[in-house]
Protein backbone atom coordinates (compact mmCIF):
# COMPACT_ATOMS: atom_id res chain seq x y z
CA MET A 1 9.31 12.14 -10.00
CA MET A 2 10.04 8.93 -8.12
CA LYS A 3 10.87 9.49 -4.45
CA PRO A 4 12.53 7.30 -1.81
CA LEU A 5 11.12 6.58 1.65
CA SER A 6 13.28 6.38 4.78
CA ILE A 7 12.03 5.09 8.14
CA HIS A 8 14.38 5.27 11.13
CA ASN A 9 13.77 3.95 14.65
CA LEU A 10 9.99 3.99 14.32
CA SER A 11 8.42 3.01 17.64
CA VAL A 12 4.81 3.10 18.79
CA SER A 13 2.87 1.88 21.82
CA PHE A 14 -0.83 1.45 22.39
CA GLY A 15 -1.23 1.87 26.13
CA ALA A 16 1.25 -0.44 27.85
CA VAL A 17 1.77 -2.55 24.73
CA GLN A 18 4.68 -1.62 22.47
CA VAL A 19 3.64 -2.48 18.91
CA LEU A 20 6.73 -1.34 16.95
CA HIS A 21 10.29 -1.50 18.25
CA GLU A 22 12.70 0.91 16.52
CA VAL A 23 11.83 -0.21 13.00
CA SER A 24 14.17 1.08 10.28
CA LEU A 25 14.00 0.51 6.54
CA GLU A 26 14.88 2.24 3.29
CA VAL A 27 12.69 2.05 0.18
CA ALA A 28 14.43 3.23 -2.98
CA ALA A 29 12.74 5.55 -5.47
CA GLY A 30 10.60 3.45 -7.81
CA GLU A 31 10.95 0.30 -5.71
CA CYS A 32 8.13 -1.97 -4.53
CA PHE A 33 8.99 -2.97 -0.95
CA GLY A 34 6.92 -5.56 0.90
CA LEU A 35 6.12 -6.04 4.58
CA VAL A 36 5.18 -9.61 5.53
CA GLY A 37 4.56 -11.44 8.77
CA GLU A 38 1.84 -12.94 10.92
CA SER A 39 -1.23 -10.96 11.98
CA GLY A 40 -0.38 -8.47 14.72
CA SER A 41 3.29 -8.20 13.77
CA GLY A 42 2.97 -4.45 13.11
CA LYS A 43 2.88 -4.34 9.29
CA SER A 44 -0.16 -2.10 8.86
CA THR A 45 0.87 0.02 11.84
CA ILE A 46 4.00 1.06 9.91
CA LEU A 47 1.80 2.34 7.07
CA ARG A 48 -0.54 4.18 9.44
CA CYS A 49 2.35 5.88 11.23
CA ALA A 50 4.34 6.75 8.10
CA SER A 51 1.21 8.24 6.50
CA MET A 52 0.39 10.20 9.71
CA LEU A 53 -2.99 8.50 10.08
CA ASN A 54 -1.54 7.73 13.50
CA ASP A 55 0.72 10.54 14.74
CA SER A 56 1.54 9.13 18.20
CA TRP A 57 4.92 7.60 17.43
CA SER A 58 8.61 8.31 17.82
CA GLY A 59 11.35 8.08 15.23
CA THR A 60 11.78 9.66 11.81
CA VAL A 61 9.94 9.14 8.52
CA GLU A 62 11.23 11.01 5.47
CA ILE A 63 10.03 11.16 1.88
CA ASP A 64 12.86 12.26 -0.41
CA GLY A 65 14.58 13.82 2.61
CA ARG A 66 11.49 15.67 3.89
CA ASN A 67 10.22 14.81 7.36
CA VAL A 68 6.54 13.81 7.11
CA ARG A 69 5.79 15.58 10.40
CA GLU A 70 6.98 18.87 8.93
CA MET A 71 5.16 18.56 5.60
CA PRO A 72 1.95 20.59 5.25
CA VAL A 73 -1.05 18.25 5.10
CA ARG A 74 -1.79 19.21 1.50
CA ASP A 75 1.80 18.46 0.42
CA ARG A 76 1.78 15.16 2.26
CA CYS A 77 -1.49 14.09 0.66
CA ARG A 78 -0.24 15.03 -2.79
CA THR A 79 2.97 13.05 -2.19
CA LEU A 80 1.59 9.98 -0.43
CA GLN A 81 -1.65 8.07 -0.85
CA MET A 82 -2.92 4.82 0.68
CA VAL A 83 -5.05 1.97 -0.66
CA PHE A 84 -6.79 0.10 2.15
CA GLN A 85 -7.58 -3.58 2.54
CA ASP A 86 -11.37 -3.34 2.36
CA PRO A 87 -12.54 -1.41 -0.71
CA TYR A 88 -16.15 -1.31 0.52
CA GLY A 89 -15.22 0.03 3.94
CA SER A 90 -12.99 2.75 2.45
CA LEU A 91 -15.72 4.13 0.13
CA HIS A 92 -18.72 6.04 1.50
CA PRO A 93 -21.82 3.96 0.65
CA ARG A 94 -23.95 7.07 -0.05
CA HIS A 95 -21.40 8.88 -2.18
CA SER A 96 -21.13 8.19 -5.89
CA ILE A 97 -17.80 7.24 -7.41
CA ARG A 98 -17.69 10.72 -8.93
CA SER A 99 -18.04 12.25 -5.47
CA ALA A 100 -15.33 9.97 -4.03
CA LEU A 101 -12.84 10.94 -6.75
CA GLU A 102 -13.72 14.62 -6.84
CA GLU A 103 -13.30 15.22 -3.11
CA GLY A 104 -9.48 15.05 -3.17
CA LEU A 105 -9.33 17.35 -6.20
CA ARG A 106 -11.64 19.87 -4.57
CA VAL A 107 -9.83 19.87 -1.22
CA ASN A 108 -6.49 20.39 -2.97
CA GLY A 109 -7.80 23.08 -5.30
CA ILE A 110 -7.02 21.10 -8.45
CA GLY A 111 -8.84 22.09 -11.62
CA ASP A 112 -9.75 20.20 -14.81
CA ARG A 113 -11.61 17.75 -12.57
CA ALA A 114 -13.84 16.10 -15.17
CA GLU A 115 -10.90 15.08 -17.35
CA ARG A 116 -8.79 14.00 -14.36
CA MET A 117 -11.61 11.77 -13.08
CA ALA A 118 -12.18 10.28 -16.51
CA GLN A 119 -8.45 9.60 -16.92
CA ALA A 120 -8.23 8.00 -13.46
CA MET A 121 -11.05 5.62 -14.40
CA ARG A 122 -9.32 4.76 -17.67
CA ASP A 123 -6.03 4.22 -15.82
CA VAL A 124 -7.62 1.50 -13.68
CA GLY A 125 -9.58 -0.09 -16.53
CA LEU A 126 -13.10 1.04 -15.59
CA PRO A 127 -15.71 2.65 -17.88
CA VAL A 128 -16.00 6.40 -17.36
CA ASP A 129 -19.78 6.09 -16.92
CA PHE A 130 -19.12 4.16 -13.69
CA LEU A 131 -18.52 7.60 -12.15
CA ASP A 132 -22.27 7.85 -11.62
CA ARG A 133 -22.55 4.50 -9.83
CA TYR A 134 -22.44 3.87 -6.09
CA PRO A 135 -20.15 1.39 -4.28
CA HIS A 136 -22.92 -1.21 -3.81
CA GLN A 137 -23.42 -1.28 -7.59
CA LEU A 138 -19.84 -2.48 -8.18
CA SER A 139 -18.11 -5.80 -7.63
CA GLY A 140 -15.31 -6.13 -5.07
CA GLY A 141 -12.66 -5.92 -7.76
CA GLN A 142 -14.29 -2.84 -9.30
CA ARG A 143 -14.49 -1.16 -5.89
CA GLN A 144 -10.79 -1.78 -5.30
CA ARG A 145 -10.03 -0.30 -8.73
CA VAL A 146 -12.00 2.79 -7.67
CA ALA A 147 -9.98 2.95 -4.44
CA ILE A 148 -6.79 2.81 -6.53
CA ALA A 149 -8.17 5.49 -8.89
CA ARG A 150 -8.92 7.71 -5.88
CA ALA A 151 -5.31 7.32 -4.72
CA LEU A 152 -3.93 7.96 -8.22
CA ILE A 153 -5.95 11.06 -8.99
CA LEU A 154 -3.70 13.32 -6.90
CA GLU A 155 -0.67 11.99 -8.82
CA PRO A 156 1.29 10.93 -5.71
CA ASP A 157 4.89 9.74 -5.69
CA LEU A 158 4.31 7.00 -3.09
CA LEU A 159 1.51 4.50 -2.72
CA PHE A 160 0.98 2.57 0.51
CA LEU A 161 -0.88 -0.68 -0.20
CA ASP A 162 -2.43 -2.41 2.82
CA GLU A 163 -3.22 -5.94 1.59
CA PRO A 164 -4.95 -4.49 -1.48
CA THR A 165 -6.22 -7.86 -2.79
CA SER A 166 -6.90 -9.93 0.35
CA ALA A 167 -10.61 -9.05 0.39
CA LEU A 168 -11.05 -10.06 -3.27
CA ASP A 169 -11.85 -13.35 -4.98
CA VAL A 170 -8.77 -15.20 -6.20
CA SER A 171 -9.80 -14.68 -9.83
CA VAL A 172 -9.89 -10.90 -9.29
CA GLN A 173 -6.69 -10.70 -7.24
CA ALA A 174 -4.44 -11.30 -10.24
CA GLU A 175 -6.22 -8.57 -12.25
CA VAL A 176 -5.67 -5.97 -9.52
CA LEU A 177 -2.04 -7.01 -8.94
CA ASN A 178 -1.29 -6.83 -12.67
CA LEU A 179 -2.96 -3.41 -12.73
CA LEU A 180 -0.66 -2.22 -9.92
CA VAL A 181 2.41 -3.59 -11.72
CA ARG A 182 1.39 -1.84 -14.96
CA LEU A 183 0.70 1.47 -13.21
CA GLN A 184 4.07 1.37 -11.46
CA LYS A 185 5.84 0.86 -14.79
CA GLU A 186 3.85 3.63 -16.47
CA LYS A 187 3.94 6.22 -13.70
CA GLY A 188 7.05 5.32 -11.69
CA PHE A 189 5.45 4.99 -8.26
CA THR A 190 7.29 3.91 -5.14
CA TYR A 191 5.23 1.22 -3.36
CA LEU A 192 5.27 0.11 0.27
CA MET A 193 3.03 -2.94 0.39
CA VAL A 194 1.69 -5.00 3.28
CA SER A 195 0.82 -8.61 2.48
CA HIS A 196 0.49 -11.94 4.26
CA ASP A 197 0.78 -13.75 0.91
CA LEU A 198 4.32 -14.46 -0.27
CA ALA A 199 3.03 -15.27 -3.77
CA VAL A 200 1.86 -11.63 -3.97
CA VAL A 201 5.24 -10.43 -2.69
CA ASP A 202 7.04 -12.61 -5.27
CA HIS A 203 4.85 -11.12 -8.02
CA MET A 204 5.09 -7.47 -6.92
CA CYS A 205 8.07 -6.70 -4.73
CA ASP A 206 11.76 -6.10 -5.34
CA ARG A 207 12.62 -6.62 -1.65
CA PHE A 208 10.64 -7.38 1.49
CA ALA A 209 10.98 -7.27 5.28
CA ILE A 210 9.82 -10.13 7.48
CA MET A 211 8.26 -8.87 10.72
CA GLN A 212 7.58 -10.55 14.05
CA HIS A 213 6.25 -8.93 17.24
CA GLY A 214 6.95 -5.40 16.01
CA HIS A 215 10.54 -6.11 14.96
CA ILE A 216 12.06 -6.50 11.50
CA VAL A 217 13.59 -9.97 11.55
CA GLU A 218 15.26 -9.79 8.16
CA ILE A 219 15.20 -7.83 4.88
CA LEU A 220 15.41 -10.04 1.82
CA SER A 221 15.33 -9.84 -1.96
CA ARG A 222 12.43 -11.39 -3.85
CA GLU A 223 14.70 -14.26 -4.92
CA ALA A 224 14.99 -15.44 -1.30
CA ILE A 225 11.47 -16.90 -1.57
CA THR A 226 12.43 -19.46 -4.20
CA GLN A 227 16.18 -19.76 -3.57
CA GLY A 228 16.01 -20.34 0.17
CA THR A 229 18.58 -17.69 1.09
CA ALA A 230 16.90 -16.43 4.28
CA THR A 231 19.31 -16.67 7.23
CA GLN A 232 17.03 -16.19 10.25
CA PRO A 233 15.14 -19.26 11.58
CA TYR A 234 11.79 -17.40 11.70
CA SER A 235 12.23 -16.20 8.11
CA ARG A 236 13.00 -19.70 6.88
CA GLU A 237 10.04 -21.10 8.81
CA LEU A 238 7.62 -18.49 7.43
CA ILE A 239 8.78 -18.89 3.83
CA GLY A 240 8.77 -22.68 4.13
CA ALA A 241 5.24 -22.74 5.52
CA SER A 242 4.03 -20.43 2.75
CA LEU A 243 5.60 -22.55 -0.01
CA GLU A 244 4.15 -25.72 1.53
CA TYR A 245 0.72 -24.10 1.60
CA GLU A 246 1.04 -23.02 -2.04
CA ARG A 247 1.92 -26.56 -3.08
CA ALA A 248 -1.02 -27.96 -1.11
CA VAL A 249 -3.43 -25.50 -2.74
C-alpha cells in the first residue's frame, strides 16, 4: 500500500552549527518528491534524520500517520528503505550479492528467501546467477541495481534515494532512472529523492523543494523547471544556472 510522508519542523545541529532549520514538507502517497540545492544545503541530512540513521534531531517525521521514533526498528525497516549515492561503498566488498540480499530477509525473519532474492534480481534487470558474484565483479550500474534490489527485497512503502545515479557514467544513469520510474509504476512506491541535477528531477519527480543553508526556499511542481514559474530569486537563479549548463553540455 502506498504511504505518505510528513515532516514537520525538522531541525538538527552538529555541534554549534545548525544544519536544518524547522524543515517541513508533505510527500503524498505514491509521489516522487525531490530535494535539490547546492552541496551542504541539508538535502541528505533530511534523509538521514527521517530514516533514523541520525536520531539527534527535533521535530516530527510520520509515515502514514505513524511517528518514526515510535515505530519498532523492524517495522521501520520494512516500511522505509534507502539507496545511497555510492553503490560500492554501500556493499560489503567481501560479501557476495546473495549475502547482501539475504541479510535483510534473515534479520526480519522472512522466509522463501531463494525466490525473493531471484525475484529482486529480475526486478532490477540482473541475471539471477549474479547472486554468486562479489561487488568488485560488477560494473557501477550493476552495483547500483543490486543496491536497489537490496532495498526492494523487504517490499517497503517508501524509498529514500540519495543521488542514486551521481556516481555512475552518464550512459548508465538513464538506465537506472528508467528502472526506478518503472518500479514505481509497478509497485506504487513513494520516493523522496535527493539530487543536484534538475534534469533528473524533471525526469523523476512530481514536485521538488529547493534548499539553501538548511532552509526550504520554495516547493515547486516539475513544470516550474521549464515554465519559469519559480517566485524566489534563489530558485530562479538555481534553475536558470542548471538550464544554462544543460544547454552548454
